[in-house]
Amino acid sequence: MNQKLAQVLKNGIISFLIFWSLIIGISAIEANIKIVDCTACNDGNRKLNWNEINYGLILGTSAIISIIPNLIRIIKPTKKPLYNNI
C-alpha cells in the first residue's frame, strides 16, 4: 500500500511539473510569435486585445500533454501478451 501511494504521489508530481513547464513554454512561444507578428507596431509596442490570447487552448493542451505519461503507465501494464493465452 505504501509503495502504491508513493507511486501515485510521484506520478502526480511529474504531471504537475510537466503541466506547469508546458504552460510556461507554450505561453513563451505564443508571446514570441505575437511579437514577431508585429510588423506595423508603434515604436515596437504591441497592444493585445482581450480575445488575442487563447487561455483555454493553452491550459487544455498543457493538461492533455501532461496526462499522457500517466496514461501510458496505466495502459502499458494491463496489456497481456497474446502468446500466453494458449
Protein backbone atom coordinates (compact mmCIF):
# COMPACT_ATOMS: atom_id res chain seq x y z
CA MET A 1 0.00 0.00 0.00
CA ASN A 2 2.82 2.39 0.86
CA GLN A 3 4.56 1.78 -2.47
CA LYS A 4 1.34 2.42 -4.38
CA LEU A 5 0.82 5.71 -2.55
CA ALA A 6 4.42 6.69 -3.28
CA GLN A 7 3.94 5.85 -6.98
CA VAL A 8 0.71 7.87 -7.17
CA LEU A 9 2.44 10.81 -5.48
CA LYS A 10 5.41 10.53 -7.84
CA ASN A 11 3.13 10.43 -10.89
CA GLY A 12 1.18 13.43 -9.59
CA ILE A 13 4.32 15.47 -9.06
CA ILE A 14 5.64 14.56 -12.51
CA SER A 15 2.32 15.53 -14.13
CA PHE A 16 2.26 18.78 -12.17
CA LEU A 17 5.80 19.69 -13.28
CA ILE A 18 5.07 18.78 -16.91
CA PHE A 19 1.84 20.81 -16.80
CA TRP A 20 3.48 23.98 -15.50
CA SER A 21 6.52 23.70 -17.75
CA LEU A 22 4.19 23.32 -20.74
CA ILE A 23 2.14 26.35 -19.70
CA ILE A 24 5.31 28.43 -19.45
CA GLY A 25 6.71 27.05 -22.71
CA ILE A 26 3.53 27.44 -24.76
CA SER A 27 2.95 30.95 -23.38
CA ALA A 28 6.52 31.97 -24.18
CA ILE A 29 6.27 30.62 -27.72
CA GLU A 30 2.92 32.32 -28.28
CA ALA A 31 4.26 35.62 -26.90
CA ASN A 32 7.28 35.46 -29.21
CA ILE A 33 5.05 34.68 -32.18
CA LYS A 34 2.88 37.69 -31.38
CA ILE A 35 5.96 39.91 -31.18
CA VAL A 36 7.29 38.56 -34.48
CA ASP A 37 3.84 39.13 -36.00
CA CYS A 38 4.14 42.80 -35.09
CA THR A 39 5.20 44.38 -38.37
CA ALA A 40 3.40 47.70 -38.09
CA CYS A 41 3.79 48.37 -34.37
CA ASN A 42 4.05 51.78 -32.79
CA ASP A 43 7.69 52.12 -31.68
CA GLY A 44 7.97 48.37 -31.06
CA ASN A 45 4.99 48.22 -28.70
CA ARG A 46 2.33 45.61 -29.32
CA LYS A 47 -1.09 46.02 -27.79
CA LEU A 48 -3.15 42.93 -27.08
CA ASN A 49 -6.91 42.81 -27.11
CA TRP A 50 -8.94 40.55 -24.82
CA ASN A 51 -9.52 37.82 -27.39
CA GLU A 52 -5.97 37.55 -28.72
CA ILE A 53 -4.70 35.15 -26.06
CA ASN A 54 -6.47 31.79 -26.06
CA TYR A 55 -6.11 30.72 -22.43
CA GLY A 56 -8.39 27.72 -22.88
CA LEU A 57 -6.20 26.31 -25.63
CA ILE A 58 -3.03 26.82 -23.60
CA LEU A 59 -4.47 25.20 -20.46
CA GLY A 60 -6.19 22.39 -22.35
CA THR A 61 -3.12 21.49 -24.38
CA SER A 62 -0.93 21.57 -21.27
CA ALA A 63 -3.36 19.38 -19.31
CA ILE A 64 -3.73 16.80 -22.07
CA ILE A 65 0.00 16.52 -22.72
CA SER A 66 0.81 16.29 -19.00
CA ILE A 67 -1.65 13.39 -18.57
CA ILE A 68 -0.18 11.32 -21.44
CA PRO A 69 2.77 9.84 -19.43
CA ASN A 70 0.40 8.62 -16.70
CA LEU A 71 -1.97 7.12 -19.26
CA ILE A 72 0.93 5.22 -20.78
CA ARG A 73 1.90 3.90 -17.33
CA ILE A 74 -1.68 2.80 -16.69
CA ILE A 75 -2.28 1.16 -20.07
CA LYS A 76 1.12 -0.49 -20.52
CA PRO A 77 0.97 -2.94 -17.56
CA THR A 78 -2.58 -4.01 -18.36
CA LYS A 79 -1.62 -5.31 -21.82
CA LYS A 80 -1.12 -9.07 -21.82
CA PRO A 81 0.85 -10.84 -24.50
CA LEU A 82 -1.24 -12.95 -26.84
CA TYR A 83 1.09 -15.93 -26.73
CA ASN A 84 0.24 -16.62 -23.05
CA ASN A 85 -3.43 -17.26 -23.84
CA ILE A 86 -2.88 -20.76 -25.31
